[in-house]
PDB file of N, CA and C in Angstrom:
ATOM      1  N   TYR A   1       0.820  -1.190   0.000  1.00  0.00           N
ATOM      2  CA  TYR A   1       0.000   0.000   0.000  1.00  0.00           C
ATOM      3  C   TYR A   1       0.860   1.248   0.000  1.00  0.00           C
ATOM      4  N   ARG A   2       2.138   1.044   0.262  1.00  0.00           N
ATOM      5  CA  ARG A   2       3.052   2.173   0.282  1.00  0.00           C
ATOM      6  C   ARG A   2       4.448   1.646  -0.033  1.00  0.00           C
ATOM      7  N   PRO A   3       5.249   2.466  -0.687  1.00  0.00           N
ATOM      8  CA  PRO A   3       6.628   2.032  -0.913  1.00  0.00           C
ATOM      9  C   PRO A   3       7.420   2.139   0.384  1.00  0.00           C
ATOM     10  N   GLY A   4       8.375   1.299   0.545  1.00  0.00           N
ATOM     11  CA  GLY A   4       9.208   1.338   1.732  1.00  0.00           C
ATOM     12  C   GLY A   4       8.825   0.256   2.726  1.00  0.00           C
ATOM     13  N   ALA A   5       9.673   0.103   3.702  1.00  0.00           N
ATOM     14  CA  ALA A   5       9.477  -0.942   4.701  1.00  0.00           C
ATOM     15  C   ALA A   5       8.341  -0.597   5.656  1.00  0.00           C
ATOM     16  N   VAL A   6       7.707  -1.626   6.151  1.00  0.00           N
ATOM     17  CA  VAL A   6       6.694  -1.453   7.190  1.00  0.00           C
ATOM     18  C   VAL A   6       7.435  -1.543   8.516  1.00  0.00           C
ATOM     19  N   THR A   7       7.486  -0.443   9.218  1.00  0.00           N
ATOM     20  CA  THR A   7       8.190  -0.397  10.499  1.00  0.00           C
ATOM     21  C   THR A   7       7.329  -1.033  11.586  1.00  0.00           C
ATOM     22  N   GLY A   8       7.935  -1.326  12.710  1.00  0.00           N
ATOM     23  CA  GLY A   8       7.191  -1.867  13.842  1.00  0.00           C
ATOM     24  C   GLY A   8       6.090  -0.926  14.292  1.00  0.00           C
ATOM     25  N   ARG A   9       6.394   0.352  14.294  1.00  0.00           N
ATOM     26  CA  ARG A   9       5.395   1.348  14.701  1.00  0.00           C
ATOM     27  C   ARG A   9       4.213   1.354  13.731  1.00  0.00           C
ATOM     28  N   LEU A  10       4.505   1.317  12.437  1.00  0.00           N
ATOM     29  CA  LEU A  10       3.434   1.310  11.442  1.00  0.00           C
ATOM     30  C   LEU A  10       2.614   0.025  11.536  1.00  0.00           C
ATOM     31  N   ALA A  11       3.286  -1.111  11.709  1.00  0.00           N
ATOM     32  CA  ALA A  11       2.579  -2.390  11.805  1.00  0.00           C
ATOM     33  C   ALA A  11       1.652  -2.439  13.015  1.00  0.00           C
ATOM     34  N   ALA A  12       1.978  -1.679  14.056  1.00  0.00           N
ATOM     35  CA  ALA A  12       1.150  -1.657  15.263  1.00  0.00           C
ATOM     36  C   ALA A  12       0.045  -0.608  15.204  1.00  0.00           C
ATOM     37  N   ASP A  13      -0.002   0.165  14.130  1.00  0.00           N
ATOM     38  CA  ASP A  13      -0.992   1.237  14.000  1.00  0.00           C
ATOM     39  C   ASP A  13      -2.275   0.694  13.366  1.00  0.00           C
ATOM     40  N   PRO A  14      -3.374   0.638  14.105  1.00  0.00           N
ATOM     41  CA  PRO A  14      -4.623   0.106  13.555  1.00  0.00           C
ATOM     42  C   PRO A  14      -5.106   0.851  12.313  1.00  0.00           C
ATOM     43  N   SER A  15      -4.826   2.148  12.220  1.00  0.00           N
ATOM     44  CA  SER A  15      -5.299   2.902  11.053  1.00  0.00           C
ATOM     45  C   SER A  15      -4.592   2.455   9.772  1.00  0.00           C
ATOM     46  N   TYR A  16      -3.355   1.972   9.895  1.00  0.00           N
ATOM     47  CA  TYR A  16      -2.654   1.441   8.724  1.00  0.00           C
ATOM     48  C   TYR A  16      -3.419   0.243   8.162  1.00  0.00           C
ATOM     49  N   TRP A  17      -3.796  -0.669   9.024  1.00  0.00           N
ATOM     50  CA  TRP A  17      -4.506  -1.873   8.593  1.00  0.00           C
ATOM     51  C   TRP A  17      -5.944  -1.561   8.196  1.00  0.00           C
ATOM     52  N   ALA A  18      -6.573  -0.641   8.877  1.00  0.00           N
ATOM     53  CA  ALA A  18      -7.961  -0.286   8.555  1.00  0.00           C
ATOM     54  C   ALA A  18      -8.068   0.347   7.177  1.00  0.00           C
ATOM     55  N   GLY A  19      -7.020   0.984   6.712  1.00  0.00           N
ATOM     56  CA  GLY A  19      -7.048   1.629   5.409  1.00  0.00           C
ATOM     57  C   GLY A  19      -6.882   0.689   4.231  1.00  0.00           C
ATOM     58  N   HIS A  20      -6.427  -0.527   4.466  1.00  0.00           N
ATOM     59  CA  HIS A  20      -6.166  -1.456   3.363  1.00  0.00           C
ATOM     60  C   HIS A  20      -7.351  -1.682   2.435  1.00  0.00           C
ATOM     61  N   PRO A  21      -8.555  -1.875   2.945  1.00  0.00           N
ATOM     62  CA  PRO A  21      -9.667  -2.139   2.011  1.00  0.00           C
ATOM     63  C   PRO A  21     -10.037  -0.962   1.112  1.00  0.00           C
ATOM     64  N   VAL A  22      -9.641   0.254   1.481  1.00  0.00           N
ATOM     65  CA  VAL A  22     -10.098   1.424   0.718  1.00  0.00           C
ATOM     66  C   VAL A  22      -8.980   2.220   0.053  1.00  0.00           C
ATOM     67  N   GLU A  23      -7.736   1.949   0.388  1.00  0.00           N
ATOM     68  CA  GLU A  23      -6.631   2.718  -0.177  1.00  0.00           C
ATOM     69  C   GLU A  23      -6.072   2.048  -1.431  1.00  0.00           C
ATOM     70  N   THR A  24      -5.463   2.850  -2.270  1.00  0.00           N
ATOM     71  CA  THR A  24      -4.832   2.353  -3.487  1.00  0.00           C
ATOM     72  C   THR A  24      -3.613   1.509  -3.135  1.00  0.00           C
ATOM     73  N   VAL A  25      -3.512   0.356  -3.754  1.00  0.00           N
ATOM     74  CA  VAL A  25      -2.341  -0.498  -3.572  1.00  0.00           C
ATOM     75  C   VAL A  25      -1.254   0.009  -4.515  1.00  0.00           C
ATOM     76  N   ARG A  26      -0.108   0.337  -3.973  1.00  0.00           N
ATOM     77  CA  ARG A  26       1.003   0.853  -4.771  1.00  0.00           C
ATOM     78  C   ARG A  26       2.045  -0.255  -4.924  1.00  0.00           C
ATOM     79  N   PHE A  27       1.654  -1.304  -5.646  1.00  0.00           N
ATOM     80  CA  PHE A  27       2.488  -2.500  -5.755  1.00  0.00           C
ATOM     81  C   PHE A  27       3.834  -2.203  -6.403  1.00  0.00           C
ATOM     82  N   TRP A  28       3.824  -1.561  -7.566  1.00  0.00           N
ATOM     83  CA  TRP A  28       5.091  -1.331  -8.272  1.00  0.00           C
ATOM     84  C   TRP A  28       6.055  -0.462  -7.464  1.00  0.00           C
ATOM     85  N   PRO A  29       5.641   0.681  -6.913  1.00  0.00           N
ATOM     86  CA  PRO A  29       6.591   1.464  -6.112  1.00  0.00           C
ATOM     87  C   PRO A  29       7.124   0.688  -4.904  1.00  0.00           C
ATOM     88  N   ALA A  30       6.278  -0.118  -4.274  1.00  0.00           N
ATOM     89  CA  ALA A  30       6.735  -0.906  -3.130  1.00  0.00           C
ATOM     90  C   ALA A  30       7.720  -1.984  -3.581  1.00  0.00           C
ATOM     91  N   LEU A  31       7.416  -2.643  -4.690  1.00  0.00           N
ATOM     92  CA  LEU A  31       8.312  -3.664  -5.237  1.00  0.00           C
ATOM     93  C   LEU A  31       9.650  -3.044  -5.626  1.00  0.00           C
ATOM     94  N   ASP A  32       9.596  -1.905  -6.300  1.00  0.00           N
ATOM     95  CA  ASP A  32      10.817  -1.224  -6.723  1.00  0.00           C
ATOM     96  C   ASP A  32      11.667  -0.822  -5.524  1.00  0.00           C
ATOM     97  N   ALA A  33      11.027  -0.311  -4.474  1.00  0.00           N
ATOM     98  CA  ALA A  33      11.772   0.081  -3.272  1.00  0.00           C
ATOM     99  C   ALA A  33      12.472  -1.124  -2.645  1.00  0.00           C
ATOM    100  N   MET A  34      11.850  -2.285  -2.727  1.00  0.00           N
ATOM    101  CA  MET A  34      12.426  -3.488  -2.140  1.00  0.00           C
ATOM    102  C   MET A  34      13.554  -4.062  -3.003  1.00  0.00           C
ATOM    103  N   LEU A  35      13.400  -4.021  -4.321  1.00  0.00           N
ATOM    104  CA  LEU A  35      14.333  -4.721  -5.207  1.00  0.00           C
ATOM    105  C   LEU A  35      15.484  -3.886  -5.745  1.00  0.00           C
ATOM    106  N   ARG A  36      15.287  -2.603  -5.921  1.00  0.00           N
ATOM    107  CA  ARG A  36      16.276  -1.821  -6.674  1.00  0.00           C
ATOM    108  C   ARG A  36      17.653  -1.790  -6.035  1.00  0.00           C
ATOM    109  N   SER A  37      17.735  -1.880  -4.711  1.00  0.00           N
ATOM    110  CA  SER A  37      19.046  -1.789  -4.063  1.00  0.00           C
ATOM    111  C   SER A  37      19.500  -3.120  -3.468  1.00  0.00           C
ATOM    112  N   ARG A  38      18.831  -4.201  -3.828  1.00  0.00           N
ATOM    113  CA  ARG A  38      19.190  -5.504  -3.272  1.00  0.00           C
ATOM    114  C   ARG A  38      19.482  -6.507  -4.389  1.00  0.00           C
ATOM    115  N   THR A  39      20.208  -7.537  -4.014  1.00  0.00           N
ATOM    116  CA  THR A  39      20.488  -8.653  -4.915  1.00  0.00           C
ATOM    117  C   THR A  39      20.179  -9.940  -4.166  1.00  0.00           C
ATOM    118  N   GLY A  40      19.647 -10.918  -4.881  1.00  0.00           N
ATOM    119  CA  GLY A  40      19.375 -12.214  -4.267  1.00  0.00           C
ATOM    120  C   GLY A  40      18.016 -12.332  -3.616  1.00  0.00           C
ATOM    121  N   VAL A  41      17.144 -11.359  -3.832  1.00  0.00           N
ATOM    122  CA  VAL A  41      15.787 -11.423  -3.277  1.00  0.00           C
ATOM    123  C   VAL A  41      14.977 -12.425  -4.091  1.00  0.00           C
ATOM    124  N   VAL A  42      14.234 -13.272  -3.410  1.00  0.00           N
ATOM    125  CA  VAL A  42      13.312 -14.194  -4.071  1.00  0.00           C
ATOM    126  C   VAL A  42      11.904 -13.828  -3.616  1.00  0.00           C
ATOM    127  N   CYS A  43      11.102 -13.338  -4.542  1.00  0.00           N
ATOM    128  CA  CYS A  43       9.702 -13.012  -4.260  1.00  0.00           C
ATOM    129  C   CYS A  43       8.883 -14.270  -4.523  1.00  0.00           C
ATOM    130  N   LEU A  44       8.101 -14.686  -3.543  1.00  0.00           N
ATOM    131  CA  LEU A  44       7.305 -15.904  -3.669  1.00  0.00           C
ATOM    132  C   LEU A  44       5.828 -15.541  -3.649  1.00  0.00           C
ATOM    133  N   GLU A  45       5.144 -15.783  -4.770  1.00  0.00           N
ATOM    134  CA  GLU A  45       3.701 -15.545  -4.817  1.00  0.00           C
ATOM    135  C   GLU A  45       3.002 -16.788  -4.288  1.00  0.00           C
ATOM    136  N   THR A  46       2.234 -16.607  -3.212  1.00  0.00           N
ATOM    137  CA  THR A  46       1.607 -17.748  -2.549  1.00  0.00           C
ATOM    138  C   THR A  46       0.125 -17.876  -2.832  1.00  0.00           C
ATOM    139  N   GLY A  47      -0.481 -16.882  -3.424  1.00  0.00           N
ATOM    140  CA  GLY A  47      -1.914 -16.930  -3.689  1.00  0.00           C
ATOM    141  C   GLY A  47      -2.230 -17.630  -4.992  1.00  0.00           C
ATOM    142  N   PRO A  48      -3.516 -17.733  -5.288  1.00  0.00           N
ATOM    143  CA  PRO A  48      -3.909 -18.375  -6.544  1.00  0.00           C
ATOM    144  C   PRO A  48      -3.526 -17.517  -7.745  1.00  0.00           C
ATOM    145  N   GLY A  49      -3.232 -18.162  -8.847  1.00  0.00           N
ATOM    146  CA  GLY A  49      -2.865 -17.435 -10.057  1.00  0.00           C
ATOM    147  C   GLY A  49      -1.461 -16.880  -9.973  1.00  0.00           C
ATOM    148  N   GLN A  50      -1.120 -16.062 -10.968  1.00  0.00           N
ATOM    149  CA  GLN A  50       0.222 -15.488 -11.015  1.00  0.00           C
ATOM    150  C   GLN A  50       0.181 -14.013 -11.385  1.00  0.00           C
ATOM    151  N   GLY A  51      -0.872 -13.324 -10.973  1.00  0.00           N
ATOM    152  CA  GLY A  51      -1.035 -11.920 -11.330  1.00  0.00           C
ATOM    153  C   GLY A  51       0.086 -11.030 -10.842  1.00  0.00           C
ATOM    154  N   LEU A  52       0.419 -11.123  -9.556  1.00  0.00           N
ATOM    155  CA  LEU A  52       1.472 -10.262  -9.015  1.00  0.00           C
ATOM    156  C   LEU A  52       2.852 -10.691  -9.506  1.00  0.00           C
ATOM    157  N   SER A  53       3.074 -11.989  -9.631  1.00  0.00           N
ATOM    158  CA  SER A  53       4.393 -12.431 -10.098  1.00  0.00           C
ATOM    159  C   SER A  53       4.616 -12.068 -11.564  1.00  0.00           C
ATOM    160  N   THR A  54       3.553 -12.027 -12.352  1.00  0.00           N
ATOM    161  CA  THR A  54       3.690 -11.600 -13.751  1.00  0.00           C
ATOM    162  C   THR A  54       4.190 -10.162 -13.814  1.00  0.00           C
ATOM    163  N   VAL A  55       3.636  -9.304 -12.976  1.00  0.00           N
ATOM    164  CA  VAL A  55       4.080  -7.907 -12.918  1.00  0.00           C
ATOM    165  C   VAL A  55       5.504  -7.839 -12.374  1.00  0.00           C
ATOM    166  N   ALA A  56       5.789  -8.574 -11.308  1.00  0.00           N
ATOM    167  CA  ALA A  56       7.110  -8.529 -10.680  1.00  0.00           C
ATOM    168  C   ALA A  56       8.210  -8.998 -11.631  1.00  0.00           C
ATOM    169  N   ARG A  57       7.898  -9.926 -12.511  1.00  0.00           N
ATOM    170  CA  ARG A  57       8.906 -10.417 -13.468  1.00  0.00           C
ATOM    171  C   ARG A  57       9.335  -9.341 -14.463  1.00  0.00           C
ATOM    172  N   ARG A  58       8.589  -8.260 -14.547  1.00  0.00           N
ATOM    173  CA  ARG A  58       8.952  -7.151 -15.441  1.00  0.00           C
ATOM    174  C   ARG A  58       9.966  -6.198 -14.811  1.00  0.00           C
ATOM    175  N   HIS A  59      10.205  -6.347 -13.517  1.00  0.00           N
ATOM    176  CA  HIS A  59      11.138  -5.434 -12.848  1.00  0.00           C
ATOM    177  C   HIS A  59      12.544  -5.639 -13.421  1.00  0.00           C
ATOM    178  N   PRO A  60      13.276  -4.553 -13.669  1.00  0.00           N
ATOM    179  CA  PRO A  60      14.616  -4.670 -14.268  1.00  0.00           C
ATOM    180  C   PRO A  60      15.564  -5.590 -13.508  1.00  0.00           C
ATOM    181  N   THR A  61      15.505  -5.600 -12.171  1.00  0.00           N
ATOM    182  CA  THR A  61      16.430  -6.458 -11.424  1.00  0.00           C
ATOM    183  C   THR A  61      16.057  -7.930 -11.524  1.00  0.00           C
ATOM    184  N   VAL A  62      14.796  -8.216 -11.784  1.00  0.00           N
ATOM    185  CA  VAL A  62      14.380  -9.605 -12.005  1.00  0.00           C
ATOM    186  C   VAL A  62      14.770 -10.016 -13.421  1.00  0.00           C
ATOM    187  N   ARG A  63      14.508  -9.139 -14.377  1.00  0.00           N
ATOM    188  CA  ARG A  63      14.858  -9.441 -15.769  1.00  0.00           C
ATOM    189  C   ARG A  63      16.363  -9.637 -15.943  1.00  0.00           C
ATOM    190  N   SER A  64      17.155  -8.932 -15.151  1.00  0.00           N
ATOM    191  CA  SER A  64      18.610  -9.065 -15.258  1.00  0.00           C
ATOM    192  C   SER A  64      19.146 -10.273 -14.492  1.00  0.00           C
ATOM    193  N   GLY A  65      18.304 -10.909 -13.673  1.00  0.00           N
ATOM    194  CA  GLY A  65      18.735 -12.066 -12.899  1.00  0.00           C
ATOM    195  C   GLY A  65      19.248 -11.739 -11.514  1.00  0.00           C
ATOM    196  N   ARG A  66      19.300 -10.451 -11.135  1.00  0.00           N
ATOM    197  CA  ARG A  66      19.760 -10.084  -9.787  1.00  0.00           C
ATOM    198  C   ARG A  66      18.801 -10.582  -8.715  1.00  0.00           C
ATOM    199  N   ASN A  67      17.515 -10.588  -9.025  1.00  0.00           N
ATOM    200  CA  ASN A  67      16.480 -11.050  -8.111  1.00  0.00           C
ATOM    201  C   ASN A  67      15.578 -12.014  -8.869  1.00  0.00           C
ATOM    202  N   ALA A  68      14.707 -12.707  -8.153  1.00  0.00           N
ATOM    203  CA  ALA A  68      13.881 -13.737  -8.798  1.00  0.00           C
ATOM    204  C   ALA A  68      12.451 -13.691  -8.286  1.00  0.00           C
ATOM    205  N   VAL A  69      11.564 -14.274  -9.076  1.00  0.00           N
ATOM    206  CA  VAL A  69      10.152 -14.401  -8.717  1.00  0.00           C
ATOM    207  C   VAL A  69       9.759 -15.856  -8.922  1.00  0.00           C
ATOM    208  N   VAL A  70       9.100 -16.429  -7.931  1.00  0.00           N
ATOM    209  CA  VAL A  70       8.646 -17.818  -7.992  1.00  0.00           C
ATOM    210  C   VAL A  70       7.172 -17.847  -7.610  1.00  0.00           C
ATOM    211  N   SER A  71       6.371 -18.577  -8.376  1.00  0.00           N
ATOM    212  CA  SER A  71       4.946 -18.747  -8.068  1.00  0.00           C
ATOM    213  C   SER A  71       4.737 -20.114  -7.436  1.00  0.00           C
ATOM    214  N   LEU A  72       4.037 -20.135  -6.314  1.00  0.00           N
ATOM    215  CA  LEU A  72       3.805 -21.384  -5.601  1.00  0.00           C
ATOM    216  C   LEU A  72       2.819 -22.291  -6.330  1.00  0.00           C
ATOM    217  N   LEU A  73       1.762 -21.702  -6.878  1.00  0.00           N
ATOM    218  CA  LEU A  73       0.708 -22.481  -7.530  1.00  0.00           C
ATOM    219  C   LEU A  73       0.754 -22.310  -9.041  1.00  0.00           C
ATOM    220  N   PRO A  74       0.157 -23.245  -9.777  1.00  0.00           N
ATOM    221  CA  PRO A  74       0.131 -23.122 -11.242  1.00  0.00           C
ATOM    222  C   PRO A  74      -0.722 -21.933 -11.673  1.00  0.00           C
ATOM    223  N   PRO A  75      -0.540 -21.459 -12.910  1.00  0.00           N
ATOM    224  CA  PRO A  75      -1.275 -20.275 -13.364  1.00  0.00           C
ATOM    225  C   PRO A  75      -2.786 -20.487 -13.457  1.00  0.00           C
ATOM    226  N   ARG A  76      -3.215 -21.710 -13.600  1.00  0.00           N
ATOM    227  CA  ARG A  76      -4.656 -21.993 -13.689  1.00  0.00           C
ATOM    228  C   ARG A  76      -5.020 -23.080 -12.690  1.00  0.00           C
ATOM    229  N   ALA A  77      -6.258 -23.046 -12.233  1.00  0.00           N
ATOM    230  CA  ALA A  77      -6.734 -24.072 -11.310  1.00  0.00           C
ATOM    231  C   ALA A  77      -6.630 -25.439 -11.965  1.00  0.00           C
ATOM    232  N   GLY A  78      -6.256 -26.409 -11.168  1.00  0.00           N
ATOM    233  CA  GLY A  78      -6.127 -27.761 -11.695  1.00  0.00           C
ATOM    234  C   GLY A  78      -6.417 -28.778 -10.610  1.00  0.00           C
ATOM    235  N   THR A  79      -5.841 -29.928 -10.773  1.00  0.00           N
ATOM    236  CA  THR A  79      -6.048 -31.007  -9.814  1.00  0.00           C
ATOM    237  C   THR A  79      -5.137 -30.821  -8.602  1.00  0.00           C
ATOM    238  N   ALA A  80      -5.433 -31.575  -7.558  1.00  0.00           N
ATOM    239  CA  ALA A  80      -4.585 -31.533  -6.368  1.00  0.00           C
ATOM    240  C   ALA A  80      -3.165 -31.970  -6.716  1.00  0.00           C
ATOM    241  N   GLU A  81      -3.038 -32.932  -7.605  1.00  0.00           N
ATOM    242  CA  GLU A  81      -1.710 -33.401  -8.015  1.00  0.00           C
ATOM    243  C   GLU A  81      -0.934 -32.293  -8.731  1.00  0.00           C
ATOM    244  N   MET A  82      -1.614 -31.510  -9.554  1.00  0.00           N
ATOM    245  CA  MET A  82      -0.957 -30.385 -10.232  1.00  0.00           C
ATOM    246  C   MET A  82      -0.468 -29.366  -9.207  1.00  0.00           C
ATOM    247  N   ASP A  83      -1.287 -29.116  -8.176  1.00  0.00           N
ATOM    248  CA  ASP A  83      -0.880 -28.186  -7.121  1.00  0.00           C
ATOM    249  C   ASP A  83       0.340 -28.712  -6.380  1.00  0.00           C
ATOM    250  N   ARG A  84       0.336 -29.992  -6.024  1.00  0.00           N
ATOM    251  CA  ARG A  84       1.484 -30.578  -5.313  1.00  0.00           C
ATOM    252  C   ARG A  84       2.753 -30.487  -6.157  1.00  0.00           C
ATOM    253  N   THR A  85       2.633 -30.771  -7.435  1.00  0.00           N
ATOM    254  CA  THR A  85       3.784 -30.692  -8.341  1.00  0.00           C
ATOM    255  C   THR A  85       4.300 -29.263  -8.426  1.00  0.00           C
ATOM    256  N   SER A  86       3.392 -28.317  -8.517  1.00  0.00           N
ATOM    257  CA  SER A  86       3.775 -26.908  -8.611  1.00  0.00           C
ATOM    258  C   SER A  86       4.455 -26.431  -7.330  1.00  0.00           C
ATOM    259  N   VAL A  87       3.915 -26.816  -6.176  1.00  0.00           N
ATOM    260  CA  VAL A  87       4.520 -26.429  -4.897  1.00  0.00           C
ATOM    261  C   VAL A  87       5.917 -27.032  -4.773  1.00  0.00           C
ATOM    262  N   ALA A  88       6.070 -28.299  -5.133  1.00  0.00           N
ATOM    263  CA  ALA A  88       7.389 -28.939  -5.067  1.00  0.00           C
ATOM    264  C   ALA A  88       8.387 -28.226  -5.976  1.00  0.00           C
ATOM    265  N   ALA A  89       7.961 -27.869  -7.180  1.00  0.00           N
ATOM    266  CA  ALA A  89       8.847 -27.153  -8.112  1.00  0.00           C
ATOM    267  C   ALA A  89       9.212 -25.776  -7.567  1.00  0.00           C
ATOM    268  N   ALA A  90       8.249 -25.097  -6.952  1.00  0.00           N
ATOM    269  CA  ALA A  90       8.515 -23.772  -6.385  1.00  0.00           C
ATOM    270  C   ALA A  90       9.514 -23.866  -5.237  1.00  0.00           C
ATOM    271  N   LEU A  91       9.347 -24.850  -4.364  1.00  0.00           N
ATOM    272  CA  LEU A  91      10.281 -25.011  -3.250  1.00  0.00           C
ATOM    273  C   LEU A  91      11.685 -25.325  -3.751  1.00  0.00           C
ATOM    274  N   THR A  92      11.779 -26.132  -4.789  1.00  0.00           N
ATOM    275  CA  THR A  92      13.079 -26.424  -5.397  1.00  0.00           C
ATOM    276  C   THR A  92      13.698 -25.145  -5.954  1.00  0.00           C
ATOM    277  N   ALA A  93      12.897 -24.345  -6.644  1.00  0.00           N
ATOM    278  CA  ALA A  93      13.402 -23.091  -7.221  1.00  0.00           C
ATOM    279  C   ALA A  93      13.883 -22.139  -6.134  1.00  0.00           C
ATOM    280  N   VAL A  94      13.163 -22.075  -5.031  1.00  0.00           N
ATOM    281  CA  VAL A  94      13.561 -21.195  -3.927  1.00  0.00           C
ATOM    282  C   VAL A  94      14.869 -21.695  -3.311  1.00  0.00           C
ATOM    283  N   ARG A  95      14.977 -22.995  -3.101  1.00  0.00           N
ATOM    284  CA  ARG A  95      16.224 -23.566  -2.556  1.00  0.00           C
ATOM    285  C   ARG A  95      17.404 -23.319  -3.494  1.00  0.00           C
ATOM    286  N   GLU A  96      17.178 -23.471  -4.797  1.00  0.00           N
ATOM    287  CA  GLU A  96      18.248 -23.253  -5.775  1.00  0.00           C
ATOM    288  C   GLU A  96      18.758 -21.824  -5.746  1.00  0.00           C
ATOM    289  N   ARG A  97      17.955 -20.921  -5.250  1.00  0.00           N
ATOM    290  CA  ARG A  97      18.352 -19.517  -5.161  1.00  0.00           C
ATOM    291  C   ARG A  97      18.923 -19.177  -3.785  1.00  0.00           C
ATOM    292  N   GLY A  98      19.196 -20.209  -2.985  1.00  0.00           N
ATOM    293  CA  GLY A  98      19.917 -20.015  -1.736  1.00  0.00           C
ATOM    294  C   GLY A  98      19.089 -19.937  -0.476  1.00  0.00           C
ATOM    295  N   ALA A  99      17.779 -20.061  -0.568  1.00  0.00           N
ATOM    296  CA  ALA A  99      16.957 -20.001   0.640  1.00  0.00           C
ATOM    297  C   ALA A  99      17.107 -21.298   1.428  1.00  0.00           C
ATOM    298  N   VAL A 100      17.112 -21.166   2.736  1.00  0.00           N
ATOM    299  CA  VAL A 100      17.169 -22.330   3.610  1.00  0.00           C
ATOM    300  C   VAL A 100      15.770 -22.529   4.178  1.00  0.00           C
ATOM    301  N   LEU A 101      15.180 -23.664   3.871  1.00  0.00           N
ATOM    302  CA  LEU A 101      13.825 -23.964   4.326  1.00  0.00           C
ATOM    303  C   LEU A 101      13.895 -25.025   5.406  1.00  0.00           C
ATOM    304  N   SER A 102      13.187 -24.785   6.506  1.00  0.00           N
ATOM    305  CA  SER A 102      13.162 -25.785   7.566  1.00  0.00           C
ATOM    306  C   SER A 102      12.092 -26.820   7.246  1.00  0.00           C
ATOM    307  N   GLY A 103      12.227 -27.983   7.814  1.00  0.00           N
ATOM    308  CA  GLY A 103      11.334 -29.111   7.563  1.00  0.00           C
ATOM    309  C   GLY A 103       9.865 -28.791   7.433  1.00  0.00           C
ATOM    310  N   ARG A 104       9.128 -28.843   8.516  1.00  0.00           N
ATOM    311  CA  ARG A 104       7.688 -28.626   8.480  1.00  0.00           C
ATOM    312  C   ARG A 104       7.334 -27.612   9.562  1.00  0.00           C
ATOM    313  N   PRO A 105       7.455 -26.326   9.259  1.00  0.00           N
ATOM    314  CA  PRO A 105       7.178 -25.300  10.270  1.00  0.00           C
ATOM    315  C   PRO A 105       5.772 -25.442  10.838  1.00  0.00           C
ATOM    316  N   GLY A 106       5.658 -25.209  12.128  1.00  0.00           N
ATOM    317  CA  GLY A 106       4.344 -25.199  12.769  1.00  0.00           C
ATOM    318  C   GLY A 106       3.752 -26.570  13.001  1.00  0.00           C
ATOM    319  N   ARG A 107       4.529 -27.604  12.810  1.00  0.00           N
ATOM    320  CA  ARG A 107       3.987 -28.957  13.029  1.00  0.00           C
ATOM    321  C   ARG A 107       4.814 -29.700  14.027  1.00  0.00           C
TER     322      ARG A 107
END
């Protein structure tokens, strides 16, 4: 909803969260603020479809290979097996980019 990091103070402000349903989402400026000065960032889209990751793949640092975008689910709804295959491929892609994933968090 805004470019820049969400500070602890902002995250604790109820008005910040209350504004989400009615305020303009500034995805590109926020993405640019996160990616332009960093290398090795892996953006993981966890929701259905690939709308945000499609936009994120256009960022110059992603196109140049400095940063990456991975989608957890397939672009279209499918079978449970397709979802499992897509999640496994996404986790492999994230690991290949240097992320360390712990076994089964929360279990």
